[in-house]
N, C-alpha and C. Protein backbone atom coordinates (compact mmCIF):
# COMPACT_ATOMS: atom_id res chain seq x y z
N MET A 1 -44.98 34.40 264.04
CA MET A 1 -44.23 35.15 263.06
C MET A 1 -44.97 36.46 262.78
N SER A 2 -44.23 37.54 262.74
CA SER A 2 -44.81 38.83 262.42
C SER A 2 -45.08 38.92 260.93
N LYS A 3 -46.00 39.80 260.60
CA LYS A 3 -46.40 39.97 259.21
C LYS A 3 -46.04 41.36 258.71
N PHE A 4 -45.90 41.45 257.40
CA PHE A 4 -45.86 42.75 256.75
C PHE A 4 -47.30 43.25 256.68
N THR A 5 -47.47 44.54 256.73
CA THR A 5 -48.77 45.15 256.49
C THR A 5 -48.65 45.99 255.24
N VAL A 6 -49.56 45.76 254.29
CA VAL A 6 -49.56 46.49 253.03
C VAL A 6 -50.85 47.30 252.97
N TYR A 7 -50.70 48.62 253.04
CA TYR A 7 -51.84 49.52 252.87
C TYR A 7 -51.94 49.78 251.37
N SER A 8 -53.08 49.42 250.79
CA SER A 8 -53.21 49.47 249.34
C SER A 8 -54.57 50.04 248.94
N LYS A 9 -54.72 50.19 247.61
CA LYS A 9 -56.00 50.64 247.06
C LYS A 9 -56.22 49.97 245.71
N ALA A 10 -57.44 49.99 245.26
CA ALA A 10 -57.80 49.38 243.98
C ALA A 10 -57.10 50.09 242.83
N GLY A 11 -56.75 49.33 241.81
CA GLY A 11 -56.15 49.89 240.61
C GLY A 11 -54.72 50.35 240.78
N CYS A 12 -54.06 49.90 241.81
CA CYS A 12 -52.69 50.33 242.11
C CYS A 12 -51.70 49.25 241.68
N GLY A 13 -51.01 49.49 240.58
CA GLY A 13 -50.04 48.52 240.08
C GLY A 13 -48.91 48.25 241.05
N GLN A 14 -48.40 49.30 241.71
CA GLN A 14 -47.32 49.10 242.67
C GLN A 14 -47.78 48.27 243.87
N CYS A 15 -49.06 48.40 244.21
CA CYS A 15 -49.62 47.59 245.31
C CYS A 15 -49.59 46.11 244.92
N ILE A 16 -49.98 45.83 243.69
CA ILE A 16 -49.98 44.44 243.20
C ILE A 16 -48.56 43.89 243.17
N PHE A 17 -47.60 44.67 242.66
CA PHE A 17 -46.20 44.22 242.62
C PHE A 17 -45.70 43.93 244.04
N THR A 18 -46.04 44.78 244.98
CA THR A 18 -45.59 44.61 246.37
C THR A 18 -46.14 43.32 246.96
N LYS A 19 -47.43 43.09 246.81
CA LYS A 19 -48.04 41.88 247.37
C LYS A 19 -47.49 40.63 246.69
N ASN A 20 -47.29 40.69 245.38
CA ASN A 20 -46.72 39.54 244.66
C ASN A 20 -45.30 39.25 245.12
N LYS A 21 -44.50 40.31 245.33
CA LYS A 21 -43.11 40.10 245.77
C LYS A 21 -43.07 39.50 247.16
N LEU A 22 -43.90 39.97 248.07
CA LEU A 22 -43.93 39.40 249.41
C LEU A 22 -44.33 37.92 249.37
N THR A 23 -45.30 37.60 248.53
CA THR A 23 -45.70 36.20 248.37
C THR A 23 -44.55 35.38 247.79
N GLU A 24 -43.87 35.92 246.77
CA GLU A 24 -42.71 35.24 246.17
C GLU A 24 -41.61 34.99 247.19
N LEU A 25 -41.44 35.94 248.12
CA LEU A 25 -40.41 35.81 249.16
C LEU A 25 -40.85 34.89 250.30
N GLY A 26 -42.09 34.41 250.25
CA GLY A 26 -42.60 33.52 251.29
C GLY A 26 -42.94 34.23 252.58
N GLN A 27 -43.25 35.51 252.49
CA GLN A 27 -43.54 36.31 253.68
C GLN A 27 -45.03 36.34 253.98
N ASP A 28 -45.36 36.35 255.25
CA ASP A 28 -46.74 36.55 255.66
C ASP A 28 -47.04 38.04 255.56
N TRP A 29 -48.21 38.38 255.03
CA TRP A 29 -48.59 39.77 254.93
C TRP A 29 -50.10 39.89 255.04
N GLU A 30 -50.51 41.07 255.46
CA GLU A 30 -51.93 41.39 255.51
C GLU A 30 -52.16 42.68 254.73
N GLU A 31 -53.30 42.75 254.11
CA GLU A 31 -53.65 43.92 253.31
C GLU A 31 -54.69 44.75 254.04
N LYS A 32 -54.48 46.04 254.04
CA LYS A 32 -55.46 46.98 254.57
C LYS A 32 -55.77 47.95 253.44
N ARG A 33 -57.03 47.99 253.02
CA ARG A 33 -57.46 48.78 251.88
C ARG A 33 -57.80 50.21 252.32
N ILE A 34 -56.94 51.14 251.96
CA ILE A 34 -57.15 52.53 252.36
C ILE A 34 -58.28 53.19 251.58
N ASP A 35 -58.66 52.60 250.45
CA ASP A 35 -59.77 53.16 249.68
C ASP A 35 -61.13 52.70 250.17
N LEU A 36 -61.17 51.64 250.95
CA LEU A 36 -62.43 51.09 251.45
C LEU A 36 -62.62 51.26 252.95
N ASP A 37 -61.54 51.46 253.68
CA ASP A 37 -61.58 51.48 255.14
C ASP A 37 -60.99 52.78 255.67
N PRO A 38 -61.83 53.71 256.11
CA PRO A 38 -61.33 54.99 256.62
C PRO A 38 -60.38 54.83 257.80
N ASP A 39 -60.61 53.83 258.63
CA ASP A 39 -59.72 53.60 259.77
C ASP A 39 -58.33 53.17 259.30
N ALA A 40 -58.28 52.32 258.27
CA ALA A 40 -56.99 51.89 257.71
C ALA A 40 -56.28 53.08 257.09
N ARG A 41 -57.02 53.93 256.38
CA ARG A 41 -56.42 55.13 255.78
C ARG A 41 -55.82 56.03 256.85
N GLN A 42 -56.55 56.25 257.94
CA GLN A 42 -56.05 57.10 259.03
C GLN A 42 -54.84 56.45 259.70
N GLU A 43 -54.90 55.15 259.90
CA GLU A 43 -53.79 54.41 260.50
C GLU A 43 -52.52 54.59 259.67
N ALA A 44 -52.63 54.46 258.35
CA ALA A 44 -51.49 54.62 257.46
C ALA A 44 -50.96 56.05 257.53
N MET A 45 -51.85 57.01 257.51
CA MET A 45 -51.43 58.42 257.57
C MET A 45 -50.73 58.72 258.88
N ASP A 46 -51.22 58.15 259.98
CA ASP A 46 -50.60 58.35 261.28
C ASP A 46 -49.18 57.78 261.33
N LYS A 47 -48.91 56.80 260.48
CA LYS A 47 -47.58 56.19 260.42
C LYS A 47 -46.68 56.87 259.39
N GLY A 48 -47.21 57.88 258.71
CA GLY A 48 -46.40 58.65 257.78
C GLY A 48 -46.62 58.35 256.31
N ALA A 49 -47.67 57.63 255.97
CA ALA A 49 -47.92 57.27 254.58
C ALA A 49 -48.15 58.52 253.73
N MET A 50 -47.56 58.49 252.54
CA MET A 50 -47.74 59.58 251.58
C MET A 50 -48.44 59.07 250.32
N GLY A 51 -48.70 57.78 250.24
CA GLY A 51 -49.34 57.20 249.07
C GLY A 51 -49.43 55.70 249.23
N ALA A 52 -49.84 55.04 248.16
CA ALA A 52 -49.97 53.59 248.20
C ALA A 52 -49.06 52.98 247.14
N PRO A 53 -48.51 51.83 247.42
CA PRO A 53 -48.66 51.12 248.68
C PRO A 53 -47.79 51.75 249.76
N PHE A 54 -48.22 51.56 250.98
CA PHE A 54 -47.43 51.92 252.15
C PHE A 54 -47.23 50.61 252.89
N VAL A 55 -45.97 50.26 253.14
CA VAL A 55 -45.65 48.94 253.69
C VAL A 55 -44.98 49.10 255.05
N VAL A 56 -45.46 48.32 256.01
CA VAL A 56 -44.83 48.25 257.33
C VAL A 56 -44.23 46.85 257.46
N ALA A 57 -42.92 46.80 257.66
CA ALA A 57 -42.22 45.53 257.84
C ALA A 57 -42.42 45.02 259.26
N PRO A 58 -42.19 43.73 259.49
CA PRO A 58 -42.30 43.21 260.85
C PRO A 58 -41.42 43.95 261.86
N SER A 59 -40.32 44.52 261.39
CA SER A 59 -39.42 45.27 262.26
C SER A 59 -39.98 46.63 262.64
N GLY A 60 -41.04 47.07 261.94
CA GLY A 60 -41.63 48.38 262.18
C GLY A 60 -41.16 49.43 261.18
N GLU A 61 -40.15 49.10 260.37
CA GLU A 61 -39.70 50.04 259.35
C GLU A 61 -40.76 50.16 258.27
N THR A 62 -40.81 51.33 257.62
CA THR A 62 -41.85 51.59 256.63
C THR A 62 -41.25 52.11 255.33
N ILE A 63 -42.06 51.98 254.27
CA ILE A 63 -41.68 52.53 252.96
C ILE A 63 -42.96 52.78 252.17
N SER A 64 -42.90 53.80 251.34
CA SER A 64 -43.99 54.07 250.40
C SER A 64 -43.55 53.64 249.01
N GLY A 65 -44.46 53.04 248.27
CA GLY A 65 -44.15 52.61 246.91
C GLY A 65 -43.57 51.21 246.88
N PHE A 66 -43.38 50.72 245.66
CA PHE A 66 -42.81 49.39 245.45
C PHE A 66 -41.30 49.51 245.40
N ASN A 67 -40.62 48.75 246.27
CA ASN A 67 -39.16 48.74 246.30
C ASN A 67 -38.72 47.30 246.53
N GLU A 68 -38.39 46.62 245.45
CA GLU A 68 -38.04 45.20 245.53
C GLU A 68 -36.84 44.95 246.44
N LYS A 69 -35.83 45.78 246.34
CA LYS A 69 -34.63 45.62 247.19
C LYS A 69 -34.98 45.73 248.66
N TRP A 70 -35.76 46.75 249.02
CA TRP A 70 -36.15 46.94 250.41
C TRP A 70 -36.96 45.76 250.92
N LEU A 71 -37.92 45.30 250.14
CA LEU A 71 -38.74 44.16 250.55
C LEU A 71 -37.87 42.94 250.79
N THR A 72 -36.91 42.70 249.91
CA THR A 72 -36.02 41.55 250.06
C THR A 72 -35.17 41.69 251.32
N GLU A 73 -34.67 42.89 251.59
CA GLU A 73 -33.86 43.12 252.78
C GLU A 73 -34.68 42.97 254.06
N MET A 74 -35.94 43.35 254.02
CA MET A 74 -36.79 43.30 255.21
C MET A 74 -37.38 41.91 255.44
N ALA A 75 -37.28 41.04 254.46
CA ALA A 75 -37.84 39.69 254.59
C ALA A 75 -37.17 38.99 255.77
N VAL A 76 -37.98 38.34 256.56
CA VAL A 76 -37.45 37.65 257.75
C VAL A 76 -37.45 36.16 257.57
């Protein structure tokens, strides 16, 4: 099963909401901390990230920020 990837940083409320929603939806996800890992930060920027959270769905679609509707639609 493919996972969501959540690029996040410390102190980010929207990051917490995103991770909690994915868990609530029963989705597998991995966190990449853009504030601690320069490679993760560059990876997110290369994919078009403009802020945190930046989420990559298993389908490859992306979104910046917390969007409950989008997360629910992308859940597999």
